Amino acid sequence: MSSDQAADKNTQAFCDAFLGALVGAMAVSSGSPWAIAAVPGEDSIPDGSEPVRMRCVLGGTLRGAFLLEFRRAEAVALAAKMLQRAADEFGAEESAALQKVVEAAKGKFHSALEPEYGTFTMEAAFASEPLAGRASAVQITAGDGGANRVTVAMHCDTELTQSLLLRSRAAGSAAGARTATKVVAGNVIMEPVNLDLVMDVELNVTLRFGQRQLTLREVMDLTSGSVVELDRQVEEPVELLLNGTVIARGEAVVIDGNYGLRVTEVTQPVSSLTLR
C-alpha cells in the first residue's frame, strides 16, 4: 500500500468514526432515531446561501483541523427538530443547538478513539471560510426515518491527514516492537524485541543502598536525628533497579558532588525485560 493510500485509509476511518458519533448525537438531541442513509442525498441546486461551517482544531497526540459543512436549509431543519419548534433561519438559538450536538459527538468520539490515537484535544467553533489546505473530504447523508435528511461534509486538512498517518505508523511500530511468542513443535519461542524503535524512551532507574521493614509505631516515632539501620553491609554492592527489578550492582561513588554507581555486575539485560 502506498503512502497516499494509507493516508486516505486512515483519514476515511477517522471521518467515519466522527460522523457516526455525530449521527448518534443527533438522535439523542432530537429524541428520534437517525441513521446514515444507504443512498447518499443528491447535491442540492445552489441557492446562493453559504453552508453552515464548524471548524474543529485538534491538539496533543493529533494535530490539524477538520471542517464540518451543513447545507444551510438542512442545518435550520435539524436545529428546529432539536429545539422542537419551527424555524426558518439559522439564528442564535439554532447555532447553539447545532453547537450542542457537535459537542456531544465530540465527547463520544474522543472517548472511543483515545485508546487508539492517544490523548488529544478538540475545540469546535463556527467558521465563515472554507478550510485552508484541505486534503480530503468524506460526505454522508443521514435521515430520521421521516422527511428530514441532513448531508454533512467533513474536510480534513493536510496536517491532520499526516498526523493520522504518523500515529498509525507509530502504533504499527510499537506493536512490532513488543515481544511475540510462537509455539513450534510444542516449544515456546520468544522473538527478539526490536529495541531500535524505543531507544529514545526515557526510563527511571533507582539506586538502592538497602532496605528495612518498620512497624507503623517505629515510623511514627521517627524524629530528626533518628537512625534507621538497613539490611546491607557497607562492603556489599549497591543495587540499580528498573521498575522494581534489579538490573545491575556496583560501587557507590561521588561525581561532582552527586552520588553515582560504578557498575561491577549486570544481573539482567534490559532487552530481556518485558516492555510495557
C-alpha atoms as a PDB file:
ATOM      1  CA  MET A   1       0.000   0.000   0.000  1.00  0.00           C
ATOM      2  CA  SER A   2       1.388   3.414  -0.995  1.00  0.00           C
ATOM      3  CA  SER A   3       1.768   6.289   1.461  1.00  0.00           C
ATOM      4  CA  ASP A   4      -1.133   8.161  -0.170  1.00  0.00           C
ATOM      5  CA  GLN A   5      -3.387   5.117   0.013  1.00  0.00           C
ATOM      6  CA  ALA A   6      -2.502   4.601   3.692  1.00  0.00           C
ATOM      7  CA  ALA A   7      -3.220   8.267   4.428  1.00  0.00           C
ATOM      8  CA  ASP A   8      -6.593   8.067   2.658  1.00  0.00           C
ATOM      9  CA  LYS A   9      -7.496   4.894   4.563  1.00  0.00           C
ATOM     10  CA  ASN A  10      -6.633   6.405   7.952  1.00  0.00           C
ATOM     11  CA  THR A  11      -8.469   9.641   7.180  1.00  0.00           C
ATOM     12  CA  GLN A  12     -11.544   7.747   5.965  1.00  0.00           C
ATOM     13  CA  ALA A  13     -11.642   5.703   9.175  1.00  0.00           C
ATOM     14  CA  PHE A  14     -11.221   8.846  11.292  1.00  0.00           C
ATOM     15  CA  CYS A  15     -14.016  10.680   9.452  1.00  0.00           C
ATOM     16  CA  ASP A  16     -16.338   7.674   9.536  1.00  0.00           C
ATOM     17  CA  ALA A  17     -15.870   7.429  13.303  1.00  0.00           C
ATOM     18  CA  PHE A  18     -16.630  11.101  13.901  1.00  0.00           C
ATOM     19  CA  LEU A  19     -19.595  11.258  11.532  1.00  0.00           C
ATOM     20  CA  GLY A  20     -21.013   8.111  13.120  1.00  0.00           C
ATOM     21  CA  ALA A  21     -20.716   9.773  16.543  1.00  0.00           C
ATOM     22  CA  LEU A  22     -22.374  12.898  15.103  1.00  0.00           C
ATOM     23  CA  VAL A  23     -25.381  10.950  13.814  1.00  0.00           C
ATOM     24  CA  GLY A  24     -25.677   9.242  17.206  1.00  0.00           C
ATOM     25  CA  ALA A  25     -25.624  12.635  18.934  1.00  0.00           C
ATOM     26  CA  MET A  26     -28.295  13.914  16.528  1.00  0.00           C
ATOM     27  CA  ALA A  27     -30.540  11.033  17.580  1.00  0.00           C
ATOM     28  CA  VAL A  28     -30.065  11.751  21.278  1.00  0.00           C
ATOM     29  CA  SER A  29     -30.518  15.526  20.917  1.00  0.00           C
ATOM     30  CA  SER A  30     -33.620  15.305  18.714  1.00  0.00           C
ATOM     31  CA  GLY A  31     -35.248  12.447  20.612  1.00  0.00           C
ATOM     32  CA  SER A  32     -35.773  10.389  17.459  1.00  0.00           C
ATOM     33  CA  PRO A  33     -33.612   7.774  15.696  1.00  0.00           C
ATOM     34  CA  TRP A  34     -31.266   8.928  12.968  1.00  0.00           C
ATOM     35  CA  ALA A  35     -29.222   6.698  10.700  1.00  0.00           C
ATOM     36  CA  ILE A  36     -26.796   7.116   7.838  1.00  0.00           C
ATOM     37  CA  ALA A  37     -28.771   6.691   4.632  1.00  0.00           C
ATOM     38  CA  ALA A  38     -27.900   3.772   2.388  1.00  0.00           C
ATOM     39  CA  VAL A  39     -28.172   6.097  -0.627  1.00  0.00           C
ATOM     40  CA  PRO A  40     -26.450   9.469  -0.204  1.00  0.00           C
ATOM     41  CA  GLY A  41     -28.520  12.548  -0.954  1.00  0.00           C
ATOM     42  CA  GLU A  42     -28.084  14.249  -4.306  1.00  0.00           C
ATOM     43  CA  ASP A  43     -26.342  17.598  -4.384  1.00  0.00           C
ATOM     44  CA  SER A  44     -28.922  20.318  -3.961  1.00  0.00           C
ATOM     45  CA  ILE A  45     -29.275  23.099  -6.521  1.00  0.00           C
ATOM     46  CA  PRO A  46     -27.146  26.048  -5.334  1.00  0.00           C
ATOM     47  CA  ASP A  47     -29.339  28.711  -3.804  1.00  0.00           C
ATOM     48  CA  GLY A  48     -26.649  31.282  -3.214  1.00  0.00           C
ATOM     49  CA  SER A  49     -26.537  30.691   0.558  1.00  0.00           C
ATOM     50  CA  GLU A  50     -23.372  29.857   2.402  1.00  0.00           C
ATOM     51  CA  PRO A  51     -23.227  26.457   4.139  1.00  0.00           C
ATOM     52  CA  VAL A  52     -23.071  26.344   7.921  1.00  0.00           C
ATOM     53  CA  ARG A  53     -19.489  25.539   8.835  1.00  0.00           C
ATOM     54  CA  MET A  54     -17.912  24.319  12.062  1.00  0.00           C
ATOM     55  CA  ARG A  55     -14.141  24.086  12.401  1.00  0.00           C
ATOM     56  CA  CYS A  56     -12.591  21.593  14.836  1.00  0.00           C
ATOM     57  CA  VAL A  57      -8.955  22.094  15.818  1.00  0.00           C
ATOM     58  CA  LEU A  58      -7.029  19.193  17.324  1.00  0.00           C
ATOM     59  CA  GLY A  59      -4.031  19.251  19.644  1.00  0.00           C
ATOM     60  CA  GLY A  60      -1.998  16.773  21.676  1.00  0.00           C
ATOM     61  CA  THR A  61      -1.202  13.468  20.003  1.00  0.00           C
ATOM     62  CA  LEU A  62      -3.171  14.531  16.918  1.00  0.00           C
ATOM     63  CA  ARG A  63      -2.559  17.837  15.155  1.00  0.00           C
ATOM     64  CA  GLY A  64      -4.514  19.635  12.491  1.00  0.00           C
ATOM     65  CA  ALA A  65      -8.103  20.594  11.825  1.00  0.00           C
ATOM     66  CA  PHE A  66     -11.248  19.439  10.069  1.00  0.00           C
ATOM     67  CA  LEU A  67     -14.296  21.327   8.878  1.00  0.00           C
ATOM     68  CA  LEU A  68     -17.920  20.230   9.009  1.00  0.00           C
ATOM     69  CA  GLU A  69     -20.220  21.703   6.364  1.00  0.00           C
ATOM     70  CA  PHE A  70     -24.020  21.552   6.637  1.00  0.00           C
ATOM     71  CA  ARG A  71     -26.358  22.775   3.922  1.00  0.00           C
ATOM     72  CA  ARG A  72     -27.948  25.847   5.495  1.00  0.00           C
ATOM     73  CA  ALA A  73     -31.559  24.812   4.932  1.00  0.00           C
ATOM     74  CA  GLU A  74     -30.861  21.364   6.373  1.00  0.00           C
ATOM     75  CA  ALA A  75     -28.998  22.872   9.347  1.00  0.00           C
ATOM     76  CA  VAL A  76     -32.057  25.030  10.070  1.00  0.00           C
ATOM     77  CA  ALA A  77     -34.356  21.999   9.868  1.00  0.00           C
ATOM     78  CA  LEU A  78     -32.056  19.943  12.114  1.00  0.00           C
ATOM     79  CA  ALA A  79     -31.850  22.717  14.714  1.00  0.00           C
ATOM     80  CA  ALA A  80     -35.626  23.140  14.599  1.00  0.00           C
ATOM     81  CA  LYS A  81     -36.102  19.437  15.265  1.00  0.00           C
ATOM     82  CA  MET A  82     -33.733  19.589  18.231  1.00  0.00           C
ATOM     83  CA  LEU A  83     -35.453  22.719  19.560  1.00  0.00           C
ATOM     84  CA  GLN A  84     -38.856  21.139  18.846  1.00  0.00           C
ATOM     85  CA  ARG A  85     -40.218  24.243  17.193  1.00  0.00           C
ATOM     86  CA  ALA A  86     -40.448  25.749  13.734  1.00  0.00           C
ATOM     87  CA  ALA A  87     -37.534  27.736  12.367  1.00  0.00           C
ATOM     88  CA  ASP A  88     -36.910  29.484   9.064  1.00  0.00           C
ATOM     89  CA  GLU A  89     -33.465  30.940   9.626  1.00  0.00           C
ATOM     90  CA  PHE A  90     -30.210  29.953  11.293  1.00  0.00           C
ATOM     91  CA  GLY A  91     -30.145  32.304  14.261  1.00  0.00           C
ATOM     92  CA  ALA A  92     -28.548  32.316  17.702  1.00  0.00           C
ATOM     93  CA  GLU A  93     -30.751  29.552  19.154  1.00  0.00           C
ATOM     94  CA  GLU A  94     -30.233  27.366  16.112  1.00  0.00           C
ATOM     95  CA  SER A  95     -26.472  27.928  16.311  1.00  0.00           C
ATOM     96  CA  ALA A  96     -26.473  26.930  19.975  1.00  0.00           C
ATOM     97  CA  ALA A  97     -28.480  23.772  19.206  1.00  0.00           C
ATOM     98  CA  LEU A  98     -26.075  22.699  16.452  1.00  0.00           C
ATOM     99  CA  GLN A  99     -23.070  23.537  18.639  1.00  0.00           C
ATOM    100  CA  LYS A 100     -24.539  21.338  21.364  1.00  0.00           C
ATOM    101  CA  VAL A 101     -24.929  18.318  19.101  1.00  0.00           C
ATOM    102  CA  VAL A 102     -21.376  18.695  17.728  1.00  0.00           C
ATOM    103  CA  GLU A 103     -20.017  18.964  21.283  1.00  0.00           C
ATOM    104  CA  ALA A 104     -21.918  15.788  22.236  1.00  0.00           C
ATOM    105  CA  ALA A 105     -20.479  13.988  19.207  1.00  0.00           C
ATOM    106  CA  LYS A 106     -17.016  15.267  20.070  1.00  0.00           C
ATOM    107  CA  GLY A 107     -17.191  13.809  23.583  1.00  0.00           C
ATOM    108  CA  LYS A 108     -18.371  10.396  22.401  1.00  0.00           C
ATOM    109  CA  PHE A 109     -15.841  10.334  19.561  1.00  0.00           C
ATOM    110  CA  HIS A 110     -12.968  11.382  21.834  1.00  0.00           C
ATOM    111  CA  SER A 111     -13.681   8.653  24.400  1.00  0.00           C
ATOM    112  CA  ALA A 112     -13.901   5.976  21.720  1.00  0.00           C
ATOM    113  CA  LEU A 113     -10.724   6.930  19.842  1.00  0.00           C
ATOM    114  CA  GLU A 114      -8.402   7.979  22.676  1.00  0.00           C
ATOM    115  CA  PRO A 115      -7.128   4.386  23.226  1.00  0.00           C
ATOM    116  CA  GLU A 116      -6.080   4.280  19.554  1.00  0.00           C
ATOM    117  CA  TYR A 117      -4.893   7.831  18.971  1.00  0.00           C
ATOM    118  CA  GLY A 118      -3.697   8.781  22.456  1.00  0.00           C
ATOM    119  CA  THR A 119      -4.595  11.890  24.428  1.00  0.00           C
ATOM    120  CA  PHE A 120      -5.762  14.660  22.127  1.00  0.00           C
ATOM    121  CA  THR A 121      -7.926  17.756  22.454  1.00  0.00           C
ATOM    122  CA  MET A 122     -10.577  19.115  20.120  1.00  0.00           C
ATOM    123  CA  GLU A 123     -12.020  22.622  20.052  1.00  0.00           C
ATOM    124  CA  ALA A 124     -15.075  23.323  17.859  1.00  0.00           C
ATOM    125  CA  ALA A 125     -16.298  26.736  16.704  1.00  0.00           C
ATOM    126  CA  PHE A 126     -18.338  28.156  13.831  1.00  0.00           C
ATOM    127  CA  ALA A 127     -16.323  29.299  10.818  1.00  0.00           C
ATOM    128  CA  SER A 128     -17.114  31.562   7.902  1.00  0.00           C
ATOM    129  CA  GLU A 129     -14.448  30.383   5.454  1.00  0.00           C
ATOM    130  CA  PRO A 130     -13.655  27.017   3.861  1.00  0.00           C
ATOM    131  CA  LEU A 131     -10.797  25.016   5.327  1.00  0.00           C
ATOM    132  CA  ALA A 132      -7.373  26.136   4.130  1.00  0.00           C
ATOM    133  CA  GLY A 133      -5.094  23.370   2.908  1.00  0.00           C
ATOM    134  CA  ARG A 134      -7.825  20.763   2.803  1.00  0.00           C
ATOM    135  CA  ALA A 135      -6.521  17.349   1.846  1.00  0.00           C
ATOM    136  CA  SER A 136      -9.572  15.107   1.752  1.00  0.00           C
ATOM    137  CA  ALA A 137     -13.297  15.041   2.386  1.00  0.00           C
ATOM    138  CA  VAL A 138     -15.917  12.498   3.391  1.00  0.00           C
ATOM    139  CA  GLN A 139     -19.652  13.081   2.959  1.00  0.00           C
ATOM    140  CA  ILE A 140     -22.646  11.318   4.448  1.00  0.00           C
ATOM    141  CA  THR A 141     -26.400  11.780   4.361  1.00  0.00           C
ATOM    142  CA  ALA A 142     -28.436  10.944   7.467  1.00  0.00           C
ATOM    143  CA  GLY A 143     -32.181  10.541   7.776  1.00  0.00           C
ATOM    144  CA  ASP A 144     -34.604  10.301  10.686  1.00  0.00           C
ATOM    145  CA  GLY A 145     -36.992   7.857   9.038  1.00  0.00           C
ATOM    146  CA  GLY A 146     -39.277  10.719   8.035  1.00  0.00           C
ATOM    147  CA  ALA A 147     -38.829  13.610   5.687  1.00  0.00           C
ATOM    148  CA  ASN A 148     -35.741  15.022   7.389  1.00  0.00           C
ATOM    149  CA  ARG A 149     -32.412  14.399   5.691  1.00  0.00           C
ATOM    150  CA  VAL A 150     -29.116  16.093   6.518  1.00  0.00           C
ATOM    151  CA  THR A 151     -25.982  15.921   4.391  1.00  0.00           C
ATOM    152  CA  VAL A 152     -22.704  16.601   6.189  1.00  0.00           C
ATOM    153  CA  ALA A 153     -19.324  17.005   4.507  1.00  0.00           C
ATOM    154  CA  MET A 154     -16.184  16.597   6.622  1.00  0.00           C
ATOM    155  CA  HIS A 155     -12.972  18.105   5.257  1.00  0.00           C
ATOM    156  CA  CYS A 156      -9.595  17.290   6.846  1.00  0.00           C
ATOM    157  CA  ASP A 157      -6.551  19.488   6.325  1.00  0.00           C
ATOM    158  CA  THR A 158      -3.158  18.193   5.256  1.00  0.00           C
ATOM    159  CA  GLU A 159      -1.687  18.474   8.759  1.00  0.00           C
ATOM    160  CA  LEU A 160      -4.392  16.234  10.253  1.00  0.00           C
ATOM    161  CA  THR A 161      -4.078  13.708   7.427  1.00  0.00           C
ATOM    162  CA  GLN A 162      -0.324  13.441   8.016  1.00  0.00           C
ATOM    163  CA  SER A 163      -0.804  13.304  11.782  1.00  0.00           C
ATOM    164  CA  LEU A 164      -3.215  10.378  11.427  1.00  0.00           C
ATOM    165  CA  LEU A 165      -0.733   8.585   9.166  1.00  0.00           C
ATOM    166  CA  LEU A 166       2.133   9.098  11.631  1.00  0.00           C
ATOM    167  CA  ARG A 167       0.033   7.836  14.556  1.00  0.00           C
ATOM    168  CA  SER A 168      -0.913   4.756  12.535  1.00  0.00           C
ATOM    169  CA  ARG A 169       2.721   4.031  11.701  1.00  0.00           C
ATOM    170  CA  ALA A 170       3.773   4.588  15.314  1.00  0.00           C
ATOM    171  CA  ALA A 171       1.100   2.175  16.527  1.00  0.00           C
ATOM    172  CA  GLY A 172       2.259  -0.421  13.999  1.00  0.00           C
ATOM    173  CA  SER A 173       5.887   0.009  15.045  1.00  0.00           C
ATOM    174  CA  ALA A 174       5.010  -0.290  18.733  1.00  0.00           C
ATOM    175  CA  ALA A 175       3.095  -3.482  18.055  1.00  0.00           C
ATOM    176  CA  GLY A 176       6.062  -4.869  16.148  1.00  0.00           C
ATOM    177  CA  ALA A 177       8.424  -3.923  18.969  1.00  0.00           C
ATOM    178  CA  ARG A 178       6.620  -5.980  21.578  1.00  0.00           C
ATOM    179  CA  THR A 179       7.926  -9.448  22.345  1.00  0.00           C
ATOM    180  CA  ALA A 180       5.958 -12.027  20.380  1.00  0.00           C
ATOM    181  CA  THR A 181       5.618 -15.708  21.128  1.00  0.00           C
ATOM    182  CA  LYS A 182       5.375 -18.621  18.754  1.00  0.00           C
ATOM    183  CA  VAL A 183       4.660 -22.239  19.507  1.00  0.00           C
ATOM    184  CA  VAL A 184       6.704 -24.594  17.313  1.00  0.00           C
ATOM    185  CA  ALA A 185       6.502 -28.338  17.902  1.00  0.00           C
ATOM    186  CA  GLY A 186       5.292 -27.723  21.447  1.00  0.00           C
ATOM    187  CA  ASN A 187       8.120 -25.302  22.294  1.00  0.00           C
ATOM    188  CA  VAL A 188       7.521 -21.628  23.091  1.00  0.00           C
ATOM    189  CA  ILE A 189       9.947 -19.384  21.195  1.00  0.00           C
ATOM    190  CA  MET A 190      10.390 -15.738  22.203  1.00  0.00           C
ATOM    191  CA  GLU A 191      11.046 -13.488  19.222  1.00  0.00           C
ATOM    192  CA  PRO A 192      13.617 -10.721  19.833  1.00  0.00           C
ATOM    193  CA  VAL A 193      12.380  -7.228  20.639  1.00  0.00           C
ATOM    194  CA  ASN A 194      13.226  -4.504  18.131  1.00  0.00           C
ATOM    195  CA  LEU A 195      14.678  -2.022  20.634  1.00  0.00           C
ATOM    196  CA  ASP A 196      15.741   0.436  17.934  1.00  0.00           C
ATOM    197  CA  LEU A 197      12.166   1.731  17.891  1.00  0.00           C
ATOM    198  CA  VAL A 198      12.199   2.724  21.568  1.00  0.00           C
ATOM    199  CA  MET A 199      15.832   3.644  22.194  1.00  0.00           C
ATOM    200  CA  ASP A 200      14.962   7.290  22.934  1.00  0.00           C
ATOM    201  CA  VAL A 201      12.315   6.470  25.558  1.00  0.00           C
ATOM    202  CA  GLU A 202      13.371   7.781  28.976  1.00  0.00           C
ATOM    203  CA  LEU A 203      13.341   5.286  31.880  1.00  0.00           C
ATOM    204  CA  ASN A 204      13.554   5.980  35.614  1.00  0.00           C
ATOM    205  CA  VAL A 205      16.192   3.953  37.458  1.00  0.00           C
ATOM    206  CA  THR A 206      16.676   3.777  41.224  1.00  0.00           C
ATOM    207  CA  LEU A 207      19.861   3.304  43.254  1.00  0.00           C
ATOM    208  CA  ARG A 208      19.190   1.175  46.382  1.00  0.00           C
ATOM    209  CA  PHE A 209      21.693   1.084  49.236  1.00  0.00           C
ATOM    210  CA  GLY A 210      19.477  -1.209  51.301  1.00  0.00           C
ATOM    211  CA  GLN A 211      16.037  -1.522  52.822  1.00  0.00           C
ATOM    212  CA  ARG A 212      14.359  -2.168  56.134  1.00  0.00           C
ATOM    213  CA  GLN A 213      10.859  -3.027  57.288  1.00  0.00           C
ATOM    214  CA  LEU A 214       9.460  -0.801  60.029  1.00  0.00           C
ATOM    215  CA  THR A 215       6.286  -1.086  62.040  1.00  0.00           C
ATOM    216  CA  LEU A 216       3.818   1.781  61.988  1.00  0.00           C
ATOM    217  CA  ARG A 217       4.837   2.651  65.540  1.00  0.00           C
ATOM    218  CA  GLU A 218       8.503   2.864  64.539  1.00  0.00           C
ATOM    219  CA  VAL A 219       7.645   5.117  61.600  1.00  0.00           C
ATOM    220  CA  MET A 220       5.578   7.435  63.796  1.00  0.00           C
ATOM    221  CA  ASP A 221       8.420   7.587  66.357  1.00  0.00           C
ATOM    222  CA  LEU A 222      10.898   8.894  63.771  1.00  0.00           C
ATOM    223  CA  THR A 223      12.322  12.285  64.656  1.00  0.00           C
ATOM    224  CA  SER A 224      15.215  14.430  63.499  1.00  0.00           C
ATOM    225  CA  GLY A 225      18.377  12.527  64.416  1.00  0.00           C
ATOM    226  CA  SER A 226      16.810   9.068  64.338  1.00  0.00           C
ATOM    227  CA  VAL A 227      18.967   6.351  62.760  1.00  0.00           C
ATOM    228  CA  VAL A 228      17.448   3.624  60.573  1.00  0.00           C
ATOM    229  CA  GLU A 229      19.672   0.592  60.118  1.00  0.00           C
ATOM    230  CA  LEU A 230      19.493  -1.010  56.671  1.00  0.00           C
ATOM    231  CA  ASP A 231      19.813  -4.709  55.829  1.00  0.00           C
ATOM    232  CA  ARG A 232      23.019  -4.310  53.802  1.00  0.00           C
ATOM    233  CA  GLN A 233      26.636  -4.287  54.995  1.00  0.00           C
ATOM    234  CA  VAL A 234      28.903  -1.419  53.964  1.00  0.00           C
ATOM    235  CA  GLU A 235      31.049  -3.679  51.789  1.00  0.00           C
ATOM    236  CA  GLU A 236      28.048  -5.148  49.937  1.00  0.00           C
ATOM    237  CA  PRO A 237      27.305  -3.821  46.420  1.00  0.00           C
ATOM    238  CA  VAL A 238      24.653  -1.204  45.738  1.00  0.00           C
ATOM    239  CA  GLU A 239      21.702  -2.204  43.510  1.00  0.00           C
ATOM    240  CA  LEU A 240      20.385  -0.450  40.409  1.00  0.00           C
ATOM    241  CA  LEU A 241      16.658  -1.031  39.799  1.00  0.00           C
ATOM    242  CA  LEU A 242      14.424  -0.500  36.762  1.00  0.00           C
ATOM    243  CA  ASN A 243      10.696  -0.668  37.525  1.00  0.00           C
ATOM    244  CA  GLY A 244      11.456  -2.565  40.730  1.00  0.00           C
ATOM    245  CA  THR A 245      13.739  -5.127  39.049  1.00  0.00           C
ATOM    246  CA  VAL A 246      17.452  -5.281  39.889  1.00  0.00           C
ATOM    247  CA  ILE A 247      19.351  -4.891  36.606  1.00  0.00           C
ATOM    248  CA  ALA A 248      22.870  -4.167  37.910  1.00  0.00           C
ATOM    249  CA  ARG A 249      25.055  -3.947  41.014  1.00  0.00           C
ATOM    250  CA  GLY A 250      28.137  -1.907  41.765  1.00  0.00           C
ATOM    251  CA  GLU A 251      30.016   0.513  43.992  1.00  0.00           C
ATOM    252  CA  ALA A 252      28.697   3.880  45.117  1.00  0.00           C
ATOM    253  CA  VAL A 253      30.876   6.798  44.005  1.00  0.00           C
ATOM    254  CA  VAL A 254      30.671  10.586  44.181  1.00  0.00           C
ATOM    255  CA  ILE A 255      30.828  12.557  40.917  1.00  0.00           C
ATOM    256  CA  ASP A 256      30.906  16.357  41.136  1.00  0.00           C
ATOM    257  CA  GLY A 257      29.059  16.235  44.434  1.00  0.00           C
ATOM    258  CA  ASN A 258      26.410  13.755  43.217  1.00  0.00           C
ATOM    259  CA  TYR A 259      26.046  10.088  44.033  1.00  0.00           C
ATOM    260  CA  GLY A 260      26.845   7.696  41.225  1.00  0.00           C
ATOM    261  CA  LEU A 261      27.288   3.994  40.576  1.00  0.00           C
ATOM    262  CA  ARG A 262      30.299   2.184  39.157  1.00  0.00           C
ATOM    263  CA  VAL A 263      28.732  -0.949  37.664  1.00  0.00           C
ATOM    264  CA  THR A 264      30.524  -4.171  38.547  1.00  0.00           C
ATOM    265  CA  GLU A 265      27.810  -6.662  37.616  1.00  0.00           C
ATOM    266  CA  VAL A 266      24.892  -6.635  35.155  1.00  0.00           C
ATOM    267  CA  THR A 267      22.340  -9.049  36.609  1.00  0.00           C
ATOM    268  CA  GLN A 268      19.686  -8.785  33.899  1.00  0.00           C
ATOM    269  CA  PRO A 269      19.968  -7.144  30.454  1.00  0.00           C
ATOM    270  CA  VAL A 270      17.207  -4.635  29.756  1.00  0.00           C
ATOM    271  CA  SER A 271      16.436  -6.436  26.490  1.00  0.00           C
ATOM    272  CA  SER A 272      15.261  -9.459  28.491  1.00  0.00           C
ATOM    273  CA  LEU A 273      12.616  -7.462  30.357  1.00  0.00           C
ATOM    274  CA  THR A 274       9.010  -7.224  29.196  1.00  0.00           C
ATOM    275  CA  LEU A 275       8.364  -3.751  27.771  1.00  0.00           C
ATOM    276  CA  ARG A 276       5.027  -2.216  28.765  1.00  0.00           C
END
